[in-house]
Structures are given as structure tokens and as C-alpha cells.
C-alpha atoms as a PDB file:
ATOM      1  CA  UNK A   1     -13.336  24.517  -5.881  1.00  0.00           C
ATOM      2  CA  UNK A   2     -10.459  22.205  -6.346  1.00  0.00           C
ATOM      3  CA  UNK A   3      -9.058  19.670  -3.849  1.00  0.00           C
ATOM      4  CA  UNK A   4      -5.303  19.166  -3.069  1.00  0.00           C
ATOM      5  CA  UNK A   5      -3.706  15.815  -3.043  1.00  0.00           C
ATOM      6  CA  UNK A   6      -3.495  15.575   0.774  1.00  0.00           C
ATOM      7  CA  UNK A   7      -7.191  16.588   0.888  1.00  0.00           C
ATOM      8  CA  UNK A   8      -8.083  13.776  -1.584  1.00  0.00           C
ATOM      9  CA  UNK A   9      -5.896  11.127   0.239  1.00  0.00           C
ATOM     10  CA  UNK A  10      -7.716  12.086   3.466  1.00  0.00           C
ATOM     11  CA  UNK A  11     -11.174  11.631   1.764  1.00  0.00           C
ATOM     12  CA  UNK A  12     -10.411   8.388  -0.444  1.00  0.00           C
ATOM     13  CA  UNK A  13     -11.563   6.128   2.341  1.00  0.00           C
ATOM     14  CA  UNK A  14     -14.737   7.753   2.515  1.00  0.00           C
ATOM     15  CA  UNK A  15     -15.064   8.100  -1.168  1.00  0.00           C
ATOM     16  CA  UNK A  16     -14.411   4.273  -1.880  1.00  0.00           C
ATOM     17  CA  UNK A  17     -17.054   3.595   1.084  1.00  0.00           C
ATOM     18  CA  UNK A  18     -19.470   6.122  -0.788  1.00  0.00           C
ATOM     19  CA  UNK A  19     -20.002   8.226   2.240  1.00  0.00           C
ATOM     20  CA  UNK A  20     -19.609  11.633   0.763  1.00  0.00           C
ATOM     21  CA  UNK A  21     -22.175  13.774  -0.874  1.00  0.00           C
ATOM     22  CA  UNK A  22     -22.242  14.002  -4.522  1.00  0.00           C
ATOM     23  CA  UNK A  23     -20.655  17.396  -4.928  1.00  0.00           C
ATOM     24  CA  UNK A  24     -17.367  16.114  -3.007  1.00  0.00           C
ATOM     25  CA  UNK A  25     -17.408  12.934  -4.912  1.00  0.00           C
ATOM     26  CA  UNK A  26     -17.487  14.909  -8.011  1.00  0.00           C
ATOM     27  CA  UNK A  27     -14.534  16.800  -6.756  1.00  0.00           C
ATOM     28  CA  UNK A  28     -12.455  13.871  -5.932  1.00  0.00           C
ATOM     29  CA  UNK A  29     -13.272  12.130  -9.343  1.00  0.00           C
ATOM     30  CA  UNK A  30     -12.245  15.242 -11.298  1.00  0.00           C
ATOM     31  CA  UNK A  31      -9.041  15.221  -9.230  1.00  0.00           C
ATOM     32  CA  UNK A  32      -8.197  11.387  -9.653  1.00  0.00           C
ATOM     33  CA  UNK A  33      -8.813  11.974 -13.347  1.00  0.00           C
ATOM     34  CA  UNK A  34      -5.823  14.724 -13.606  1.00  0.00           C
ATOM     35  CA  UNK A  35      -3.421  13.403 -10.786  1.00  0.00           C
ATOM     36  CA  UNK A  36      -1.934  10.181 -11.605  1.00  0.00           C
ATOM     37  CA  UNK A  37      -0.475   9.822  -7.918  1.00  0.00           C
ATOM     38  CA  UNK A  38      -3.996   9.992  -6.351  1.00  0.00           C
ATOM     39  CA  UNK A  39      -5.285   7.793  -9.242  1.00  0.00           C
ATOM     40  CA  UNK A  40      -2.812   4.978  -8.228  1.00  0.00           C
ATOM     41  CA  UNK A  41      -3.605   5.381  -4.610  1.00  0.00           C
ATOM     42  CA  UNK A  42      -7.417   5.218  -5.293  1.00  0.00           C
ATOM     43  CA  UNK A  43      -6.732   1.853  -7.269  1.00  0.00           C
ATOM     44  CA  UNK A  44      -4.448   0.612  -4.486  1.00  0.00           C
ATOM     45  CA  UNK A  45      -7.313   1.156  -1.983  1.00  0.00           C
ATOM     46  CA  UNK A  46      -9.779  -0.290  -4.260  1.00  0.00           C
ATOM     47  CA  UNK A  47      -7.969  -3.249  -4.871  1.00  0.00           C
ATOM     48  CA  UNK A  48      -7.293  -4.093  -1.149  1.00  0.00           C
ATOM     49  CA  UNK A  49     -11.027  -3.451  -0.417  1.00  0.00           C
ATOM     50  CA  UNK A  50     -12.129  -5.938  -3.253  1.00  0.00           C
ATOM     51  CA  UNK A  51      -9.575  -8.194  -1.787  1.00  0.00           C
ATOM     52  CA  UNK A  52     -11.234  -8.037   1.625  1.00  0.00           C
ATOM     53  CA  UNK A  53     -14.666  -8.692  -0.108  1.00  0.00           C
ATOM     54  CA  UNK A  54     -13.453 -11.608  -1.967  1.00  0.00           C
ATOM     55  CA  UNK A  55     -12.040 -13.262   1.175  1.00  0.00           C
ATOM     56  CA  UNK A  56     -15.247 -12.501   3.066  1.00  0.00           C
ATOM     57  CA  UNK A  57     -17.338 -14.161   0.356  1.00  0.00           C
ATOM     58  CA  UNK A  58     -15.355 -17.089   0.178  1.00  0.00           C
ATOM     59  CA  UNK A  59     -15.469 -17.346   4.138  1.00  0.00           C
ATOM     60  CA  UNK A  60     -19.008 -17.266   4.161  1.00  0.00           C
ATOM     61  CA  UNK A  61     -19.279 -19.850   1.100  1.00  0.00           C
ATOM     62  CA  UNK A  62     -17.272 -22.546   2.891  1.00  0.00           C
ATOM     63  CA  UNK A  63     -18.746 -24.653   5.976  1.00  0.00           C
ATOM     64  CA  UNK A  64     -18.214 -23.403   9.234  1.00  0.00           C
ATOM     65  CA  UNK A  65     -15.490 -24.992  11.434  1.00  0.00           C
ATOM     66  CA  UNK A  66     -18.133 -26.607  13.589  1.00  0.00           C
ATOM     67  CA  UNK A  67     -19.616 -28.188  10.828  1.00  0.00           C
ATOM     68  CA  UNK A  68     -16.073 -29.775   9.665  1.00  0.00           C
ATOM     69  CA  UNK A  69     -15.329 -30.588  13.247  1.00  0.00           C
ATOM     70  CA  UNK A  70     -18.614 -32.478  13.563  1.00  0.00           C
ATOM     71  CA  UNK A  71     -17.633 -34.508  10.461  1.00  0.00           C
ATOM     72  CA  UNK A  72     -14.286 -35.372  11.943  1.00  0.00           C
ATOM     73  CA  UNK A  73     -15.886 -36.523  15.150  1.00  0.00           C
ATOM     74  CA  UNK A  74     -17.916 -39.072  13.305  1.00  0.00           C
ATOM     75  CA  UNK A  75     -14.676 -40.254  11.382  1.00  0.00           C
ATOM     76  CA  UNK A  76     -12.608 -43.046  13.147  1.00  0.00           C
ATOM     77  CA  UNK A  77      -9.087 -41.427  12.896  1.00  0.00           C
ATOM     78  CA  UNK A  78     -10.003 -37.929  14.253  1.00  0.00           C
ATOM     79  CA  UNK A  79      -8.078 -34.949  13.081  1.00  0.00           C
ATOM     80  CA  UNK A  80      -8.740 -31.511  14.060  1.00  0.00           C
ATOM     81  CA  UNK A  81      -9.073 -28.584  11.808  1.00  0.00           C
ATOM     82  CA  UNK A  82      -6.364 -27.163  13.988  1.00  0.00           C
ATOM     83  CA  UNK A  83      -4.127 -29.933  13.158  1.00  0.00           C
ATOM     84  CA  UNK A  84      -4.916 -29.466   9.480  1.00  0.00           C
ATOM     85  CA  UNK A  85      -4.189 -25.870   9.565  1.00  0.00           C
ATOM     86  CA  UNK A  86      -0.817 -26.558  11.317  1.00  0.00           C
ATOM     87  CA  UNK A  87      -0.148 -29.502   8.733  1.00  0.00           C
ATOM     88  CA  UNK A  88      -0.730 -26.878   5.708  1.00  0.00           C
ATOM     89  CA  UNK A  89       1.723 -24.540   7.781  1.00  0.00           C
ATOM     90  CA  UNK A  90       4.459 -26.995   8.228  1.00  0.00           C
ATOM     91  CA  UNK A  91       4.294 -26.478  12.030  1.00  0.00           C
ATOM     92  CA  UNK A  92       3.800 -30.251  13.162  1.00  0.00           C
ATOM     93  CA  UNK A  93       6.188 -32.598  14.168  1.00  0.00           C
ATOM     94  CA  UNK A  94       7.213 -35.381  12.065  1.00  0.00           C
ATOM     95  CA  UNK A  95       4.998 -38.048  13.779  1.00  0.00           C
ATOM     96  CA  UNK A  96       2.111 -35.540  14.000  1.00  0.00           C
ATOM     97  CA  UNK A  97       2.330 -34.842  10.270  1.00  0.00           C
ATOM     98  CA  UNK A  98       2.747 -38.445   9.358  1.00  0.00           C
ATOM     99  CA  UNK A  99      -0.667 -38.938  11.239  1.00  0.00           C
ATOM    100  CA  UNK A 100      -2.383 -36.191   9.196  1.00  0.00           C
ATOM    101  CA  UNK A 101      -1.074 -37.356   6.117  1.00  0.00           C
ATOM    102  CA  UNK A 102      -2.557 -40.905   6.764  1.00  0.00           C
ATOM    103  CA  UNK A 103      -5.985 -39.099   7.736  1.00  0.00           C
ATOM    104  CA  UNK A 104      -6.005 -37.274   4.711  1.00  0.00           C
ATOM    105  CA  UNK A 105      -5.135 -40.290   2.069  1.00  0.00           C
ATOM    106  CA  UNK A 106      -7.779 -42.177   3.967  1.00  0.00           C
ATOM    107  CA  UNK A 107     -10.769 -39.724   4.316  1.00  0.00           C
ATOM    108  CA  UNK A 108     -12.292 -37.669   1.692  1.00  0.00           C
ATOM    109  CA  UNK A 109     -13.508 -35.084   4.093  1.00  0.00           C
ATOM    110  CA  UNK A 110     -10.211 -34.649   5.516  1.00  0.00           C
ATOM    111  CA  UNK A 111      -8.884 -33.916   1.889  1.00  0.00           C
ATOM    112  CA  UNK A 112     -11.620 -31.402   1.327  1.00  0.00           C
ATOM    113  CA  UNK A 113     -11.105 -29.579   4.510  1.00  0.00           C
ATOM    114  CA  UNK A 114      -7.405 -29.229   3.842  1.00  0.00           C
ATOM    115  CA  UNK A 115      -8.370 -28.224   0.221  1.00  0.00           C
ATOM    116  CA  UNK A 116     -10.625 -25.435   1.793  1.00  0.00           C
ATOM    117  CA  UNK A 117      -7.780 -24.324   4.262  1.00  0.00           C
ATOM    118  CA  UNK A 118      -5.412 -23.965   1.009  1.00  0.00           C
ATOM    119  CA  UNK A 119      -7.972 -22.098  -0.880  1.00  0.00           C
ATOM    120  CA  UNK A 120      -8.596 -19.797   2.187  1.00  0.00           C
ATOM    121  CA  UNK A 121      -4.920 -19.114   2.351  1.00  0.00           C
ATOM    122  CA  UNK A 122      -4.473 -18.380  -1.213  1.00  0.00           C
ATOM    123  CA  UNK A 123      -7.516 -15.978  -1.333  1.00  0.00           C
ATOM    124  CA  UNK A 124      -6.039 -13.987   1.712  1.00  0.00           C
ATOM    125  CA  UNK A 125      -2.256 -14.141   0.205  1.00  0.00           C
ATOM    126  CA  UNK A 126      -3.745 -12.810  -3.328  1.00  0.00           C
ATOM    127  CA  UNK A 127      -5.636  -9.922  -1.339  1.00  0.00           C
ATOM    128  CA  UNK A 128      -2.343  -8.812   0.339  1.00  0.00           C
ATOM    129  CA  UNK A 129       0.077  -9.402  -2.646  1.00  0.00           C
ATOM    130  CA  UNK A 130      -2.067  -7.841  -5.183  1.00  0.00           C
ATOM    131  CA  UNK A 131      -0.913  -4.231  -4.246  1.00  0.00           C
ATOM    132  CA  UNK A 132       2.661  -5.375  -2.725  1.00  0.00           C
ATOM    133  CA  UNK A 133       4.610  -4.014  -5.635  1.00  0.00           C
ATOM    134  CA  UNK A 134       2.379  -0.949  -5.952  1.00  0.00           C
ATOM    135  CA  UNK A 135       2.846  -0.188  -2.449  1.00  0.00           C
ATOM    136  CA  UNK A 136       6.812  -0.832  -2.837  1.00  0.00           C
ATOM    137  CA  UNK A 137       6.621   1.781  -5.918  1.00  0.00           C
ATOM    138  CA  UNK A 138       4.722   4.204  -3.988  1.00  0.00           C
ATOM    139  CA  UNK A 139       7.180   4.183  -1.232  1.00  0.00           C
ATOM    140  CA  UNK A 140      10.131   4.350  -4.021  1.00  0.00           C
ATOM    141  CA  UNK A 141       8.591   7.596  -5.486  1.00  0.00           C
ATOM    142  CA  UNK A 142       8.173   9.080  -2.205  1.00  0.00           C
ATOM    143  CA  UNK A 143      11.901   8.717  -1.331  1.00  0.00           C
ATOM    144  CA  UNK A 144      13.059   9.785  -4.835  1.00  0.00           C
ATOM    145  CA  UNK A 145      10.668  12.873  -4.704  1.00  0.00           C
ATOM    146  CA  UNK A 146      12.281  13.816  -1.168  1.00  0.00           C
ATOM    147  CA  UNK A 147      15.644  13.476  -2.495  1.00  0.00           C
ATOM    148  CA  UNK A 148      14.918  15.455  -5.557  1.00  0.00           C
ATOM    149  CA  UNK A 149      13.106  18.164  -3.105  1.00  0.00           C
ATOM    150  CA  UNK A 150      16.298  18.158  -0.733  1.00  0.00           C
ATOM    151  CA  UNK A 151      18.507  18.539  -3.908  1.00  0.00           C
ATOM    152  CA  UNK A 152      16.540  21.576  -5.356  1.00  0.00           C
ATOM    153  CA  UNK A 153      16.494  22.937  -1.991  1.00  0.00           C
ATOM    154  CA  UNK A 154      20.490  22.593  -1.747  1.00  0.00           C
ATOM    155  CA  UNK A 155      20.624  24.127  -5.401  1.00  0.00           C
ATOM    156  CA  UNK A 156      18.397  26.759  -4.446  1.00  0.00           C
ATOM    157  CA  UNK A 157      20.690  27.672  -1.400  1.00  0.00           C
ATOM    158  CA  UNK A 158      23.797  27.822  -3.658  1.00  0.00           C
ATOM    159  CA  UNK A 159      21.893  29.916  -6.199  1.00  0.00           C
ATOM    160  CA  UNK A 160      21.076  32.256  -3.528  1.00  0.00           C
ATOM    161  CA  UNK A 161      24.716  32.537  -2.442  1.00  0.00           C
ATOM    162  CA  UNK A 162      25.958  33.022  -6.108  1.00  0.00           C
ATOM    163  CA  UNK A 163      23.179  35.873  -6.734  1.00  0.00           C
ATOM    164  CA  UNK A 164      24.265  37.496  -3.321  1.00  0.00           C
ATOM    165  CA  UNK A 165      27.642  37.392  -4.439  1.00  0.00           C
ATOM    166  CA  UNK A 166      26.841  38.905  -7.589  1.00  0.00           C
ATOM    167  CA  UNK A 167      24.886  41.869  -5.962  1.00  0.00           C
ATOM    168  CA  UNK A 168      27.700  42.498  -3.768  1.00  0.00           C
ATOM    169  CA  UNK A 169      30.101  42.477  -6.483  1.00  0.00           C
ATOM    170  CA  UNK A 170      28.221  44.807  -8.631  1.00  0.00           C
ATOM    171  CA  UNK A 171      27.566  47.100  -5.703  1.00  0.00           C
ATOM    172  CA  UNK A 172      31.154  47.304  -5.001  1.00  0.00           C
ATOM    173  CA  UNK A 173      32.082  48.012  -8.461  1.00  0.00           C
ATOM    174  CA  UNK A 174      29.130  50.709  -9.002  1.00  0.00           C
ATOM    175  CA  UNK A 175      30.526  52.531  -5.607  1.00  0.00           C
ATOM    176  CA  UNK A 176      34.112  52.296  -6.714  1.00  0.00           C
ATOM    177  CA  UNK A 177      33.202  53.896 -10.038  1.00  0.00           C
ATOM    178  CA  UNK A 178      31.164  56.617  -8.392  1.00  0.00           C
ATOM    179  CA  UNK A 179      34.267  57.291  -6.207  1.00  0.00           C
ATOM    180  CA  UNK A 180      36.641  57.347  -9.227  1.00  0.00           C
ATOM    181  CA  UNK A 181      34.321  59.843 -11.337  1.00  0.00           C
ATOM    182  CA  UNK A 182      33.638  62.104  -8.613  1.00  0.00           C
ATOM    183  CA  UNK A 183      37.517  62.280  -7.684  1.00  0.00           C
ATOM    184  CA  UNK A 184      38.452  62.929 -11.269  1.00  0.00           C
ATOM    185  CA  UNK A 185      35.850  65.383 -12.306  1.00  0.00           C
ATOM    186  CA  UNK A 186      36.378  67.628  -9.366  1.00  0.00           C
END
């Protein structure tokens, strides 16, 4: 039994998470080998999953916010992780931003915390940007396919009109010919 593209698309999430039986996995694998569209969707979904796994591993590897806050509580010019995050996003006023800059320059722990925030942001951005172009291409392909299908339907409709007109003309010609033959032969 072969699976259709819509069936494969419905099952891809479960296939990637390895939640299907071996028979269905084999059918999906054979479909993905033959169908470039489904293969691209599979690669996109797999890349997104891998991006989330990398982000989770990174989050697990960095110190918890409480550990970082504890370090800052022991520092004389206390700056919160919230302030560092807001600083990295350019959300602080000029005065607050200057205070954070001074703190970062003076304190190694502040620089390390800011670096961790930047690293985390980069990991998360990479996870989402990896397949941004792929998603855009898929959307463009869908639109182009829909336009092509609509044009085919329109052309199919005009072909039907031409065929109907041809049949009408042939029928009229045949009826007229039969009429002439019967009138002249009798």
C-alpha cells in the first residue's frame, strides 16, 4: 500500500518522533524517497526539531538564573539578569544602559552573563532562521502550483467549450447533409 502526500504530511510529526510502527515507517520512507515535496517538508521539520534540541542542550548547560543572580548579589554594583537581557535588546534608557555598561566593564561575571545571553539568543535565532527560506520557498511553490491549477482549470473549461462547439457544428453539418441527400434522392 502506498501513502499519499497528505497522509505522509499528517504522519511526519509522529515519524520524526519515532512513534509509528515499522511498517508505516517503511511506507513513509519509501514515499519520502520518491516525493521531493514531502522530503523537503521532512527535512524542514527535522531541522526545526534539531534546533530545539540544541537550544535545550544549551539551556541545560548554562547556569540557572538563580546562580547568576546569586553572583550578582555578592557584587557591589548589582545588575540583574533582567537588566542584562534588556540591555542586550536595547530596551533600557540611556542612563540605565550606561550603568549596565559600566558594570559589564568592571565585572567579569557581568560580561560572562551577557555573553551567555547573547549565545542563547544566537542559538534560538539559528533554530528559527535555519528554515525560514525553506518555508518561504514552500509557500511560493504552493502559490505557483495553485495558480497553475487554476489556469489548467480555465484552459480545461475553454477546451470543453471548443469541443462542444465542434460537436454541435459536426452534428448540424451531418443533419444538413442527411436532409439534402434525402430530398435530392427522392
